[in-house]
Amino acid sequence: MSQQIQRLEERFGRPLLHRTGRRVTPTDDGERLLPYARRLLTLADETREVMAQSEGLGILRLGIPEDFAARRLSELLSRFFRTHPQLRYDVRCELSVNLQRDIERGELDLAVLKRDAGGGTALATWPENLHWVTSRRQPISWQADPMPLAVFPQGCQYRNRAIHALESRGRSWRITTPVRIFPGSRPRFLRGSGSASFRSPGCDRITSS
């Protein structure tokens, strides 16, 4: 302690304590310094407490497909975040094929993704019914040859299923609108640009455009 006081005195260029035998009392400068020293000690204690608490905070790394990131899932996540304010969140919106890769690499803790039946273990699974959809205002004929498609990038399960369904029936196809968008924009790009395949919960919104 005496060495620390000595260093402070050397830094300020003035004595902070009167030393008379074993008795030590603060100088006028020492008196002025004392409340600041107490505040610094209090701040140091608060810093240690905050840092000790931060060791218990976790980061939840969550992956969600782009067309799942809105609607009901976003409402569910919002409620979860509000009830777990001590957690930090890293939410990643990607194609399912990329989320599957990130899970396998250990870069995500939890992911909601699409894959073929029997594609591995999961906490929960559910089936989806896919439907062909097009614009009501500018519909695409189902007899069009080749069939114009508005699809997500390569790796998208819906894209793969749509192309396989056409090829298995000997139908030709062409991609007119490669898209990478969120679900609220789907109706706009379907207007006359091509047909697409989507899961049933969104079909009412898409066909109404």
N, C-alpha and C. Protein backbone atom coordinates (compact mmCIF):
# COMPACT_ATOMS: atom_id res chain seq x y z
N MET A 1 0.83 -1.20 0.00
CA MET A 1 0.00 0.00 0.00
C MET A 1 0.88 1.26 0.00
N SER A 2 1.94 1.28 0.82
CA SER A 2 2.81 2.44 0.91
C SER A 2 3.48 2.72 -0.43
N GLN A 3 3.83 1.68 -1.18
CA GLN A 3 4.44 1.87 -2.48
C GLN A 3 3.45 2.49 -3.46
N GLN A 4 2.18 2.07 -3.37
CA GLN A 4 1.16 2.63 -4.26
C GLN A 4 0.93 4.11 -3.95
N ILE A 5 0.88 4.46 -2.66
CA ILE A 5 0.74 5.86 -2.27
C ILE A 5 1.94 6.67 -2.76
N GLN A 6 3.11 6.09 -2.64
CA GLN A 6 4.31 6.77 -3.10
C GLN A 6 4.27 7.03 -4.60
N ARG A 7 3.77 6.07 -5.35
CA ARG A 7 3.68 6.26 -6.80
C ARG A 7 2.68 7.36 -7.13
N LEU A 8 1.56 7.42 -6.37
CA LEU A 8 0.59 8.49 -6.59
C LEU A 8 1.20 9.86 -6.29
N GLU A 9 1.95 9.92 -5.22
CA GLU A 9 2.59 11.19 -4.86
C GLU A 9 3.60 11.61 -5.93
N GLU A 10 4.31 10.66 -6.48
CA GLU A 10 5.26 10.97 -7.54
C GLU A 10 4.53 11.43 -8.80
N ARG A 11 3.39 10.84 -9.07
CA ARG A 11 2.64 11.22 -10.26
C ARG A 11 2.04 12.62 -10.11
N PHE A 12 1.49 12.93 -8.92
CA PHE A 12 0.88 14.24 -8.69
C PHE A 12 1.92 15.31 -8.35
N GLY A 13 3.08 14.87 -7.94
CA GLY A 13 4.12 15.83 -7.61
C GLY A 13 3.89 16.56 -6.31
N ARG A 14 3.20 15.93 -5.37
CA ARG A 14 2.95 16.54 -4.07
C ARG A 14 2.61 15.46 -3.05
N PRO A 15 2.88 15.70 -1.78
CA PRO A 15 2.59 14.67 -0.77
C PRO A 15 1.09 14.55 -0.53
N LEU A 16 0.66 13.34 -0.27
CA LEU A 16 -0.75 13.07 0.01
C LEU A 16 -0.99 12.72 1.47
N LEU A 17 0.08 12.35 2.18
CA LEU A 17 -0.05 11.94 3.58
C LEU A 17 1.01 12.64 4.43
N HIS A 18 0.60 12.97 5.67
CA HIS A 18 1.54 13.39 6.69
C HIS A 18 1.96 12.15 7.47
N ARG A 19 3.25 11.94 7.60
CA ARG A 19 3.75 10.78 8.34
C ARG A 19 4.50 11.27 9.57
N THR A 20 3.95 10.98 10.72
CA THR A 20 4.58 11.35 11.99
C THR A 20 4.70 10.09 12.83
N GLY A 21 5.87 9.49 12.81
CA GLY A 21 6.04 8.22 13.49
C GLY A 21 5.13 7.18 12.87
N ARG A 22 4.29 6.58 13.71
CA ARG A 22 3.34 5.59 13.20
C ARG A 22 2.01 6.21 12.79
N ARG A 23 1.87 7.49 13.05
CA ARG A 23 0.62 8.16 12.73
C ARG A 23 0.67 8.70 11.29
N VAL A 24 -0.41 8.44 10.55
CA VAL A 24 -0.50 8.89 9.16
C VAL A 24 -1.83 9.62 8.99
N THR A 25 -1.76 10.85 8.52
CA THR A 25 -2.98 11.64 8.26
C THR A 25 -2.87 12.24 6.86
N PRO A 26 -4.01 12.47 6.21
CA PRO A 26 -3.96 13.01 4.85
C PRO A 26 -3.60 14.49 4.85
N THR A 27 -2.89 14.90 3.81
CA THR A 27 -2.62 16.31 3.57
C THR A 27 -3.86 16.94 2.95
N ASP A 28 -3.82 18.24 2.68
CA ASP A 28 -4.96 18.88 2.02
C ASP A 28 -5.22 18.25 0.65
N ASP A 29 -4.14 17.99 -0.08
CA ASP A 29 -4.30 17.31 -1.38
C ASP A 29 -4.84 15.90 -1.20
N GLY A 30 -4.40 15.23 -0.14
CA GLY A 30 -4.92 13.90 0.15
C GLY A 30 -6.41 13.92 0.45
N GLU A 31 -6.84 14.99 1.19
CA GLU A 31 -8.27 15.14 1.50
C GLU A 31 -9.08 15.31 0.21
N ARG A 32 -8.56 16.10 -0.74
CA ARG A 32 -9.27 16.31 -2.00
C ARG A 32 -9.33 15.03 -2.83
N LEU A 33 -8.29 14.24 -2.75
CA LEU A 33 -8.23 13.00 -3.52
C LEU A 33 -9.13 11.91 -2.94
N LEU A 34 -9.38 11.94 -1.64
CA LEU A 34 -10.06 10.85 -0.96
C LEU A 34 -11.44 10.51 -1.53
N PRO A 35 -12.36 11.48 -1.78
CA PRO A 35 -13.67 11.09 -2.33
C PRO A 35 -13.57 10.48 -3.72
N TYR A 36 -12.60 10.94 -4.52
CA TYR A 36 -12.42 10.33 -5.85
C TYR A 36 -11.92 8.89 -5.73
N ALA A 37 -11.05 8.67 -4.76
CA ALA A 37 -10.54 7.32 -4.54
C ALA A 37 -11.66 6.39 -4.12
N ARG A 38 -12.56 6.88 -3.26
CA ARG A 38 -13.69 6.05 -2.83
C ARG A 38 -14.61 5.72 -4.01
N ARG A 39 -14.84 6.72 -4.87
CA ARG A 39 -15.69 6.48 -6.04
C ARG A 39 -15.06 5.46 -6.98
N LEU A 40 -13.73 5.54 -7.12
CA LEU A 40 -13.04 4.58 -7.98
C LEU A 40 -13.12 3.17 -7.41
N LEU A 41 -13.02 3.05 -6.09
CA LEU A 41 -13.14 1.73 -5.46
C LEU A 41 -14.55 1.17 -5.65
N THR A 42 -15.58 2.03 -5.51
CA THR A 42 -16.95 1.59 -5.73
C THR A 42 -17.15 1.14 -7.16
N LEU A 43 -16.61 1.92 -8.11
CA LEU A 43 -16.72 1.55 -9.52
C LEU A 43 -16.01 0.24 -9.80
N ALA A 44 -14.87 0.01 -9.17
CA ALA A 44 -14.14 -1.24 -9.36
C ALA A 44 -14.96 -2.42 -8.85
N ASP A 45 -15.63 -2.23 -7.70
CA ASP A 45 -16.48 -3.30 -7.17
C ASP A 45 -17.64 -3.59 -8.12
N GLU A 46 -18.26 -2.54 -8.65
CA GLU A 46 -19.37 -2.74 -9.59
C GLU A 46 -18.89 -3.44 -10.85
N THR A 47 -17.71 -3.08 -11.32
CA THR A 47 -17.16 -3.72 -12.52
C THR A 47 -16.94 -5.21 -12.30
N ARG A 48 -16.38 -5.56 -11.14
CA ARG A 48 -16.16 -6.98 -10.84
C ARG A 48 -17.48 -7.74 -10.77
N GLU A 49 -18.51 -7.10 -10.21
CA GLU A 49 -19.82 -7.75 -10.10
C GLU A 49 -20.44 -7.97 -11.47
N VAL A 50 -20.36 -6.95 -12.33
CA VAL A 50 -20.93 -7.08 -13.67
C VAL A 50 -20.20 -8.15 -14.46
N MET A 51 -18.87 -8.17 -14.38
CA MET A 51 -18.11 -9.16 -15.12
C MET A 51 -18.37 -10.57 -14.61
N ALA A 52 -18.59 -10.70 -13.30
CA ALA A 52 -18.90 -12.02 -12.74
C ALA A 52 -20.25 -12.50 -13.24
N GLN A 53 -21.22 -11.58 -13.38
CA GLN A 53 -22.53 -11.97 -13.89
C GLN A 53 -22.46 -12.33 -15.36
N SER A 54 -21.64 -11.63 -16.13
CA SER A 54 -21.57 -11.88 -17.56
C SER A 54 -21.06 -13.27 -17.89
N GLU A 55 -20.33 -13.90 -16.92
CA GLU A 55 -19.84 -15.25 -17.17
C GLU A 55 -20.98 -16.24 -17.30
N GLY A 56 -22.13 -15.93 -16.68
CA GLY A 56 -23.26 -16.84 -16.74
C GLY A 56 -24.18 -16.60 -17.93
N LEU A 57 -23.96 -15.51 -18.70
CA LEU A 57 -24.80 -15.21 -19.84
C LEU A 57 -24.43 -16.11 -21.01
N GLY A 58 -25.45 -16.67 -21.65
CA GLY A 58 -25.21 -17.53 -22.79
C GLY A 58 -25.61 -16.86 -24.08
N ILE A 59 -25.12 -17.39 -25.18
CA ILE A 59 -25.49 -16.93 -26.52
C ILE A 59 -26.22 -18.07 -27.22
N LEU A 60 -27.44 -17.81 -27.65
CA LEU A 60 -28.22 -18.79 -28.39
C LEU A 60 -28.05 -18.50 -29.87
N ARG A 61 -27.43 -19.43 -30.59
CA ARG A 61 -27.21 -19.28 -32.03
C ARG A 61 -28.30 -20.05 -32.75
N LEU A 62 -29.20 -19.31 -33.37
CA LEU A 62 -30.40 -19.90 -33.95
C LEU A 62 -30.41 -19.69 -35.46
N GLY A 63 -30.73 -20.75 -36.19
CA GLY A 63 -30.84 -20.68 -37.64
C GLY A 63 -32.27 -20.89 -38.09
N ILE A 64 -32.74 -20.05 -39.02
CA ILE A 64 -34.12 -20.11 -39.51
C ILE A 64 -34.11 -19.94 -41.02
N PRO A 65 -34.85 -20.76 -41.76
CA PRO A 65 -34.96 -20.53 -43.21
C PRO A 65 -35.58 -19.16 -43.48
N GLU A 66 -35.24 -18.56 -44.62
CA GLU A 66 -35.69 -17.21 -44.90
C GLU A 66 -37.21 -17.10 -44.96
N ASP A 67 -37.90 -18.13 -45.46
CA ASP A 67 -39.35 -18.01 -45.55
C ASP A 67 -40.04 -18.43 -44.25
N PHE A 68 -39.27 -18.80 -43.23
CA PHE A 68 -39.82 -19.05 -41.89
C PHE A 68 -39.58 -17.85 -40.97
N ALA A 69 -38.77 -16.90 -41.38
CA ALA A 69 -38.31 -15.86 -40.47
C ALA A 69 -39.39 -14.85 -40.13
N ALA A 70 -40.53 -14.91 -40.77
CA ALA A 70 -41.61 -13.98 -40.48
C ALA A 70 -42.82 -14.76 -39.96
N ARG A 71 -43.95 -14.03 -39.83
CA ARG A 71 -45.22 -14.63 -39.43
C ARG A 71 -45.15 -15.24 -38.05
N ARG A 72 -45.67 -16.45 -37.88
CA ARG A 72 -45.85 -17.02 -36.54
C ARG A 72 -44.54 -17.25 -35.81
N LEU A 73 -43.51 -17.68 -36.54
CA LEU A 73 -42.24 -17.98 -35.87
C LEU A 73 -41.62 -16.73 -35.27
N SER A 74 -41.71 -15.60 -35.98
CA SER A 74 -41.15 -14.36 -35.44
C SER A 74 -41.88 -13.94 -34.17
N GLU A 75 -43.20 -14.16 -34.12
CA GLU A 75 -43.96 -13.84 -32.91
C GLU A 75 -43.53 -14.74 -31.76
N LEU A 76 -43.34 -16.02 -32.04
CA LEU A 76 -42.91 -16.96 -31.01
C LEU A 76 -41.53 -16.59 -30.48
N LEU A 77 -40.61 -16.27 -31.36
CA LEU A 77 -39.27 -15.89 -30.93
C LEU A 77 -39.29 -14.61 -30.12
N SER A 78 -40.13 -13.67 -30.52
CA SER A 78 -40.22 -12.41 -29.78
C SER A 78 -40.66 -12.66 -28.35
N ARG A 79 -41.63 -13.54 -28.14
CA ARG A 79 -42.07 -13.86 -26.78
C ARG A 79 -40.95 -14.55 -26.00
N PHE A 80 -40.24 -15.44 -26.65
CA PHE A 80 -39.15 -16.14 -25.98
C PHE A 80 -38.05 -15.18 -25.57
N PHE A 81 -37.71 -14.24 -26.44
CA PHE A 81 -36.66 -13.28 -26.13
C PHE A 81 -37.04 -12.40 -24.96
N ARG A 82 -38.32 -12.02 -24.90
CA ARG A 82 -38.76 -11.15 -23.80
C ARG A 82 -38.73 -11.88 -22.47
N THR A 83 -39.00 -13.17 -22.46
CA THR A 83 -39.02 -13.93 -21.21
C THR A 83 -37.65 -14.45 -20.81
N HIS A 84 -36.65 -14.28 -21.68
CA HIS A 84 -35.28 -14.70 -21.36
C HIS A 84 -34.31 -13.55 -21.67
N PRO A 85 -34.47 -12.41 -20.98
CA PRO A 85 -33.63 -11.25 -21.28
C PRO A 85 -32.16 -11.45 -20.95
N GLN A 86 -31.84 -12.48 -20.17
CA GLN A 86 -30.44 -12.69 -19.79
C GLN A 86 -29.64 -13.33 -20.92
N LEU A 87 -30.31 -13.82 -21.94
CA LEU A 87 -29.62 -14.47 -23.06
C LEU A 87 -29.30 -13.46 -24.15
N ARG A 88 -28.24 -13.76 -24.88
CA ARG A 88 -27.92 -13.03 -26.09
C ARG A 88 -28.24 -13.93 -27.29
N TYR A 89 -28.60 -13.31 -28.41
CA TYR A 89 -29.09 -14.08 -29.53
C TYR A 89 -28.32 -13.76 -30.80
N ASP A 90 -28.04 -14.82 -31.55
CA ASP A 90 -27.45 -14.69 -32.87
C ASP A 90 -28.36 -15.46 -33.81
N VAL A 91 -29.22 -14.74 -34.53
CA VAL A 91 -30.21 -15.37 -35.41
C VAL A 91 -29.73 -15.26 -36.84
N ARG A 92 -29.66 -16.40 -37.50
CA ARG A 92 -29.16 -16.45 -38.87
C ARG A 92 -30.27 -16.95 -39.79
N CYS A 93 -30.57 -16.20 -40.86
CA CYS A 93 -31.58 -16.59 -41.85
C CYS A 93 -30.86 -17.05 -43.11
N GLU A 94 -31.06 -18.33 -43.45
CA GLU A 94 -30.36 -18.91 -44.60
C GLU A 94 -31.21 -20.01 -45.22
N LEU A 95 -30.75 -20.52 -46.35
CA LEU A 95 -31.35 -21.72 -46.92
C LEU A 95 -31.11 -22.89 -45.97
N SER A 96 -32.02 -23.85 -45.99
CA SER A 96 -31.91 -25.01 -45.10
C SER A 96 -30.62 -25.77 -45.30
N VAL A 97 -30.16 -25.87 -46.55
CA VAL A 97 -28.93 -26.62 -46.81
C VAL A 97 -27.75 -25.96 -46.10
N ASN A 98 -27.74 -24.64 -46.02
CA ASN A 98 -26.67 -23.94 -45.32
C ASN A 98 -26.81 -24.07 -43.81
N LEU A 99 -28.05 -24.06 -43.32
CA LEU A 99 -28.27 -24.23 -41.88
C LEU A 99 -27.87 -25.63 -41.43
N GLN A 100 -28.16 -26.64 -42.26
CA GLN A 100 -27.76 -28.00 -41.95
C GLN A 100 -26.24 -28.10 -41.85
N ARG A 101 -25.54 -27.44 -42.75
CA ARG A 101 -24.08 -27.43 -42.72
C ARG A 101 -23.57 -26.75 -41.44
N ASP A 102 -24.19 -25.64 -41.07
CA ASP A 102 -23.74 -24.90 -39.89
C ASP A 102 -24.00 -25.70 -38.60
N ILE A 103 -25.12 -26.44 -38.57
CA ILE A 103 -25.39 -27.31 -37.41
C ILE A 103 -24.31 -28.37 -37.29
N GLU A 104 -23.97 -29.00 -38.40
CA GLU A 104 -22.97 -30.07 -38.40
C GLU A 104 -21.59 -29.54 -38.01
N ARG A 105 -21.31 -28.29 -38.34
CA ARG A 105 -20.02 -27.68 -37.98
C ARG A 105 -20.00 -27.18 -36.53
N GLY A 106 -21.13 -27.20 -35.87
CA GLY A 106 -21.20 -26.68 -34.51
C GLY A 106 -21.31 -25.18 -34.44
N GLU A 107 -21.68 -24.53 -35.55
CA GLU A 107 -21.79 -23.08 -35.59
C GLU A 107 -23.16 -22.59 -35.17
N LEU A 108 -24.13 -23.49 -35.02
CA LEU A 108 -25.47 -23.16 -34.55
C LEU A 108 -25.85 -24.09 -33.42
N ASP A 109 -26.64 -23.57 -32.48
CA ASP A 109 -27.14 -24.39 -31.38
C ASP A 109 -28.47 -25.04 -31.74
N LEU A 110 -29.26 -24.36 -32.53
CA LEU A 110 -30.60 -24.83 -32.86
C LEU A 110 -30.98 -24.28 -34.23
N ALA A 111 -31.67 -25.09 -35.02
CA ALA A 111 -32.09 -24.62 -36.35
C ALA A 111 -33.44 -25.22 -36.70
N VAL A 112 -34.26 -24.43 -37.33
CA VAL A 112 -35.49 -24.90 -37.95
C VAL A 112 -35.19 -24.98 -39.44
N LEU A 113 -35.27 -26.18 -39.99
CA LEU A 113 -34.89 -26.34 -41.40
C LEU A 113 -35.73 -27.39 -42.09
N LYS A 114 -35.63 -27.40 -43.40
CA LYS A 114 -36.37 -28.35 -44.23
C LYS A 114 -35.40 -29.38 -44.80
N ARG A 115 -35.85 -30.61 -44.83
CA ARG A 115 -35.02 -31.66 -45.41
C ARG A 115 -35.93 -32.84 -45.75
N ASP A 116 -35.37 -33.78 -46.49
CA ASP A 116 -36.14 -34.96 -46.88
C ASP A 116 -36.46 -35.81 -45.65
N ALA A 117 -37.56 -36.53 -45.73
CA ALA A 117 -37.95 -37.40 -44.63
C ALA A 117 -36.85 -38.42 -44.35
N GLY A 118 -36.58 -38.66 -43.06
CA GLY A 118 -35.54 -39.59 -42.68
C GLY A 118 -34.15 -39.04 -42.84
N GLY A 119 -34.03 -37.71 -42.89
CA GLY A 119 -32.73 -37.10 -43.12
C GLY A 119 -31.86 -36.98 -41.90
N GLY A 120 -32.25 -37.56 -40.77
CA GLY A 120 -31.44 -37.50 -39.57
C GLY A 120 -32.29 -37.25 -38.34
N THR A 121 -31.64 -37.15 -37.20
CA THR A 121 -32.36 -36.94 -35.95
C THR A 121 -32.80 -35.48 -35.82
N ALA A 122 -33.82 -35.27 -34.99
CA ALA A 122 -34.34 -33.92 -34.78
C ALA A 122 -35.12 -33.91 -33.47
N LEU A 123 -35.26 -32.73 -32.88
CA LEU A 123 -36.08 -32.59 -31.68
C LEU A 123 -37.55 -32.75 -32.00
N ALA A 124 -37.97 -32.30 -33.19
CA ALA A 124 -39.36 -32.41 -33.62
C ALA A 124 -39.38 -32.34 -35.14
N THR A 125 -40.34 -33.00 -35.74
CA THR A 125 -40.49 -32.97 -37.19
C THR A 125 -41.97 -32.83 -37.55
N TRP A 126 -42.24 -32.33 -38.74
CA TRP A 126 -43.62 -32.26 -39.24
C TRP A 126 -43.57 -32.26 -40.76
N PRO A 127 -44.59 -32.81 -41.41
CA PRO A 127 -44.62 -32.85 -42.88
C PRO A 127 -45.16 -31.54 -43.43
N GLU A 128 -44.84 -31.27 -44.69
CA GLU A 128 -45.36 -30.10 -45.39
C GLU A 128 -45.99 -30.54 -46.70
N ASN A 129 -47.09 -29.89 -47.06
CA ASN A 129 -47.72 -30.12 -48.35
C ASN A 129 -47.37 -28.96 -49.27
N LEU A 130 -46.75 -29.27 -50.38
CA LEU A 130 -46.36 -28.24 -51.34
C LEU A 130 -47.41 -28.09 -52.42
N HIS A 131 -47.56 -26.87 -52.93
CA HIS A 131 -48.56 -26.57 -53.96
C HIS A 131 -47.93 -25.72 -55.05
N TRP A 132 -48.38 -25.96 -56.28
CA TRP A 132 -47.97 -25.10 -57.37
C TRP A 132 -48.82 -23.83 -57.30
N VAL A 133 -48.18 -22.68 -57.42
CA VAL A 133 -48.91 -21.42 -57.36
C VAL A 133 -48.45 -20.49 -58.47
N THR A 134 -49.35 -19.62 -58.88
CA THR A 134 -49.04 -18.59 -59.86
C THR A 134 -49.91 -17.39 -59.57
N SER A 135 -49.73 -16.32 -60.30
CA SER A 135 -50.48 -15.10 -60.07
C SER A 135 -51.89 -15.21 -60.62
N ARG A 136 -52.86 -14.70 -59.88
CA ARG A 136 -54.23 -14.66 -60.40
C ARG A 136 -54.39 -13.60 -61.47
N ARG A 137 -53.66 -12.49 -61.32
CA ARG A 137 -53.78 -11.40 -62.27
C ARG A 137 -53.08 -11.70 -63.58
N GLN A 138 -51.94 -12.34 -63.51
CA GLN A 138 -51.18 -12.68 -64.71
C GLN A 138 -50.76 -14.15 -64.62
N PRO A 139 -51.71 -15.06 -64.72
CA PRO A 139 -51.40 -16.48 -64.50
C PRO A 139 -50.53 -17.07 -65.60
N ILE A 140 -49.77 -18.08 -65.22
CA ILE A 140 -48.96 -18.86 -66.14
C ILE A 140 -49.72 -20.13 -66.49
N SER A 141 -49.81 -20.43 -67.76
CA SER A 141 -50.52 -21.64 -68.18
C SER A 141 -49.74 -22.88 -67.76
N TRP A 142 -50.47 -23.88 -67.26
CA TRP A 142 -49.82 -25.13 -66.85
C TRP A 142 -49.35 -25.94 -68.06
N GLN A 143 -49.80 -25.53 -69.26
CA GLN A 143 -49.33 -26.21 -70.47
C GLN A 143 -48.11 -25.51 -71.07
N ALA A 144 -47.62 -24.45 -70.43
CA ALA A 144 -46.47 -23.72 -70.97
C ALA A 144 -45.28 -24.67 -71.14
N ASP A 145 -44.59 -24.54 -72.27
CA ASP A 145 -43.43 -25.40 -72.53
C ASP A 145 -42.33 -24.55 -73.17
N PRO A 146 -41.23 -24.36 -72.43
CA PRO A 146 -40.95 -24.90 -71.09
C PRO A 146 -41.71 -24.15 -69.99
N MET A 147 -41.85 -24.78 -68.85
CA MET A 147 -42.54 -24.17 -67.72
C MET A 147 -41.63 -23.13 -67.07
N PRO A 148 -42.06 -21.86 -67.01
CA PRO A 148 -41.24 -20.84 -66.33
C PRO A 148 -41.35 -20.98 -64.81
N LEU A 149 -40.23 -20.89 -64.15
CA LEU A 149 -40.20 -21.07 -62.70
C LEU A 149 -39.60 -19.84 -62.01
N ALA A 150 -40.22 -19.46 -60.91
CA ALA A 150 -39.66 -18.45 -60.01
C ALA A 150 -39.22 -19.19 -58.75
N VAL A 151 -37.92 -19.29 -58.52
CA VAL A 151 -37.43 -20.17 -57.47
C VAL A 151 -36.32 -19.50 -56.66
N PHE A 152 -36.09 -20.07 -55.49
CA PHE A 152 -34.98 -19.64 -54.64
C PHE A 152 -33.67 -20.23 -55.19
N PRO A 153 -32.52 -19.83 -54.65
CA PRO A 153 -31.23 -20.30 -55.18
C PRO A 153 -31.06 -21.81 -55.06
N GLN A 154 -30.03 -22.32 -55.71
CA GLN A 154 -29.72 -23.74 -55.66
C GLN A 154 -29.52 -24.18 -54.20
N GLY A 155 -30.04 -25.37 -53.91
CA GLY A 155 -30.01 -25.88 -52.55
C GLY A 155 -31.35 -25.81 -51.86
N CYS A 156 -32.27 -25.00 -52.42
CA CYS A 156 -33.61 -24.88 -51.84
C CYS A 156 -34.39 -26.17 -52.09
N GLN A 157 -35.00 -26.71 -51.04
CA GLN A 157 -35.77 -27.95 -51.16
C GLN A 157 -36.95 -27.78 -52.11
N TYR A 158 -37.64 -26.63 -52.04
CA TYR A 158 -38.80 -26.42 -52.90
C TYR A 158 -38.38 -26.36 -54.37
N ARG A 159 -37.26 -25.74 -54.64
CA ARG A 159 -36.73 -25.69 -56.00
C ARG A 159 -36.46 -27.10 -56.51
N ASN A 160 -35.78 -27.90 -55.69
CA ASN A 160 -35.45 -29.27 -56.10
C ASN A 160 -36.70 -30.09 -56.35
N ARG A 161 -37.68 -29.95 -55.45
CA ARG A 161 -38.92 -30.72 -55.62
C ARG A 161 -39.68 -30.30 -56.89
N ALA A 162 -39.73 -29.01 -57.16
CA ALA A 162 -40.45 -28.53 -58.34
C ALA A 162 -39.80 -29.05 -59.62
N ILE A 163 -38.48 -28.95 -59.69
CA ILE A 163 -37.78 -29.41 -60.89
C ILE A 163 -37.92 -30.93 -61.05
N HIS A 164 -37.81 -31.67 -59.94
CA HIS A 164 -37.96 -33.13 -60.02
C HIS A 164 -39.37 -33.50 -60.48
N ALA A 165 -40.38 -32.78 -59.99
CA ALA A 165 -41.76 -33.11 -60.38
C ALA A 165 -41.96 -32.89 -61.87
N LEU A 166 -41.39 -31.84 -62.41
CA LEU A 166 -41.53 -31.59 -63.84
C LEU A 166 -40.77 -32.61 -64.66
N GLU A 167 -39.53 -32.87 -64.29
CA GLU A 167 -38.70 -33.80 -65.08
C GLU A 167 -39.24 -35.23 -65.01
N SER A 168 -39.82 -35.61 -63.88
CA SER A 168 -40.36 -36.97 -63.77
C SER A 168 -41.56 -37.18 -64.69
N ARG A 169 -42.17 -36.08 -65.15
CA ARG A 169 -43.28 -36.16 -66.09
C ARG A 169 -42.88 -35.78 -67.52
N GLY A 170 -41.57 -35.67 -67.71
CA GLY A 170 -41.07 -35.37 -69.05
C GLY A 170 -41.29 -33.93 -69.45
N ARG A 171 -41.52 -33.04 -68.48
CA ARG A 171 -41.76 -31.63 -68.79
C ARG A 171 -40.46 -30.85 -68.79
N SER A 172 -40.32 -29.92 -69.72
CA SER A 172 -39.17 -29.04 -69.73
C SER A 172 -39.47 -27.81 -68.87
N TRP A 173 -38.43 -27.13 -68.45
CA TRP A 173 -38.61 -25.97 -67.56
C TRP A 173 -37.48 -24.98 -67.78
N ARG A 174 -37.70 -23.77 -67.32
CA ARG A 174 -36.66 -22.74 -67.35
C ARG A 174 -36.87 -21.82 -66.15
N ILE A 175 -35.79 -21.33 -65.59
CA ILE A 175 -35.87 -20.43 -64.45
C ILE A 175 -35.89 -19.00 -64.97
N THR A 176 -37.00 -18.33 -64.72
CA THR A 176 -37.15 -16.95 -65.18
C THR A 176 -36.83 -15.94 -64.08
N THR A 177 -37.04 -16.35 -62.83
CA THR A 177 -36.87 -15.41 -61.72
C THR A 177 -36.17 -16.10 -60.56
N PRO A 178 -34.82 -16.08 -60.52
CA PRO A 178 -34.14 -16.56 -59.31
C PRO A 178 -34.29 -15.50 -58.22
N VAL A 179 -34.79 -15.91 -57.06
CA VAL A 179 -35.11 -14.92 -56.02
C VAL A 179 -34.43 -15.30 -54.71
N ARG A 180 -34.19 -14.28 -53.91
CA ARG A 180 -33.68 -14.46 -52.56
C ARG A 180 -34.33 -13.36 -51.72
N ILE A 181 -35.54 -13.63 -51.28
CA ILE A 181 -36.35 -12.60 -50.64
C ILE A 181 -37.04 -13.16 -49.43
N PHE A 182 -37.67 -12.29 -48.65
CA PHE A 182 -38.46 -12.70 -47.52
C PHE A 182 -39.90 -12.88 -47.95
N PRO A 183 -40.69 -13.63 -47.17
CA PRO A 183 -42.00 -14.05 -47.62
C PRO A 183 -42.96 -12.93 -47.94
N GLY A 184 -42.83 -11.76 -47.33
CA GLY A 184 -43.76 -10.68 -47.60
C GLY A 184 -43.67 -10.17 -49.02
N SER A 185 -42.59 -10.47 -49.73
CA SER A 185 -42.41 -9.97 -51.09
C SER A 185 -42.79 -11.00 -52.13
N ARG A 186 -43.14 -12.20 -51.75
CA ARG A 186 -43.41 -13.26 -52.72
C ARG A 186 -44.51 -12.90 -53.71
N PRO A 187 -45.65 -12.35 -53.27
CA PRO A 187 -46.71 -12.07 -54.23
C PRO A 187 -46.26 -11.16 -55.36
N ARG A 188 -45.37 -10.20 -55.09
CA ARG A 188 -44.96 -9.25 -56.11
C ARG A 188 -44.17 -9.93 -57.22
N PHE A 189 -43.24 -10.81 -56.85
CA PHE A 189 -42.41 -11.37 -57.91
C PHE A 189 -43.15 -12.44 -58.70
N LEU A 190 -44.27 -12.93 -58.20
CA LEU A 190 -45.02 -13.95 -58.93
C LEU A 190 -45.91 -13.37 -60.02
N ARG A 191 -46.06 -12.05 -60.05
CA ARG A 191 -46.98 -11.46 -61.01
C ARG A 191 -46.45 -11.59 -62.43
N GLY A 192 -46.84 -12.64 -63.10
CA GLY A 192 -46.49 -12.84 -64.49
C GLY A 192 -45.09 -13.34 -64.73
N SER A 193 -44.30 -13.57 -63.69
CA SER A 193 -42.91 -13.95 -63.91
C SER A 193 -42.72 -15.45 -64.01
N GLY A 194 -43.62 -16.22 -63.42
CA GLY A 194 -43.47 -17.66 -63.46
C GLY A 194 -44.27 -18.33 -62.38
N SER A 195 -44.23 -19.65 -62.35
CA SER A 195 -44.90 -20.40 -61.31
C SER A 195 -43.88 -20.82 -60.27
N ALA A 196 -44.38 -21.21 -59.10
CA ALA A 196 -43.47 -21.56 -58.02
C ALA A 196 -44.12 -22.59 -57.13
N SER A 197 -43.30 -23.19 -56.26
CA SER A 197 -43.78 -24.19 -55.32
C SER A 197 -43.54 -23.69 -53.91
N PHE A 198 -44.61 -23.66 -53.09
CA PHE A 198 -44.50 -23.20 -51.72
C PHE A 198 -45.30 -24.13 -50.82
N ARG A 199 -44.97 -24.04 -49.50
CA ARG A 199 -45.73 -24.82 -48.52
C ARG A 199 -47.10 -24.21 -48.36
N SER A 200 -48.07 -25.01 -47.94
CA SER A 200 -49.46 -24.60 -47.94
C SER A 200 -49.79 -23.42 -47.05
N PRO A 201 -49.16 -23.17 -45.86
CA PRO A 201 -49.57 -22.04 -45.04
C PRO A 201 -49.49 -20.69 -45.73
N GLY A 202 -48.70 -20.56 -46.78
CA GLY A 202 -48.57 -19.26 -47.42
C GLY A 202 -49.34 -19.14 -48.73
N CYS A 203 -50.02 -20.19 -49.16
CA CYS A 203 -50.61 -20.17 -50.50
C CYS A 203 -51.74 -19.18 -50.63
N ASP A 204 -52.52 -18.99 -49.58
CA ASP A 204 -53.65 -18.07 -49.67
C ASP A 204 -53.17 -16.66 -49.95
N ARG A 205 -52.04 -16.27 -49.34
CA ARG A 205 -51.50 -14.95 -49.54
C ARG A 205 -50.92 -14.80 -50.94
N ILE A 206 -50.27 -15.84 -51.42
CA ILE A 206 -49.60 -15.76 -52.71
C ILE A 206 -50.61 -15.69 -53.85
N THR A 207 -51.60 -16.57 -53.85
CA THR A 207 -52.54 -16.63 -54.96
C THR A 207 -53.47 -15.43 -54.98
N SER A 208 -53.59 -14.70 -53.87
CA SER A 208 -54.48 -13.55 -53.84
C SER A 208 -53.90 -12.36 -54.57
N SER A 209 -52.65 -12.46 -55.00
CA SER A 209 -52.05 -11.33 -55.71
C SER A 209 -52.39 -11.38 -57.19
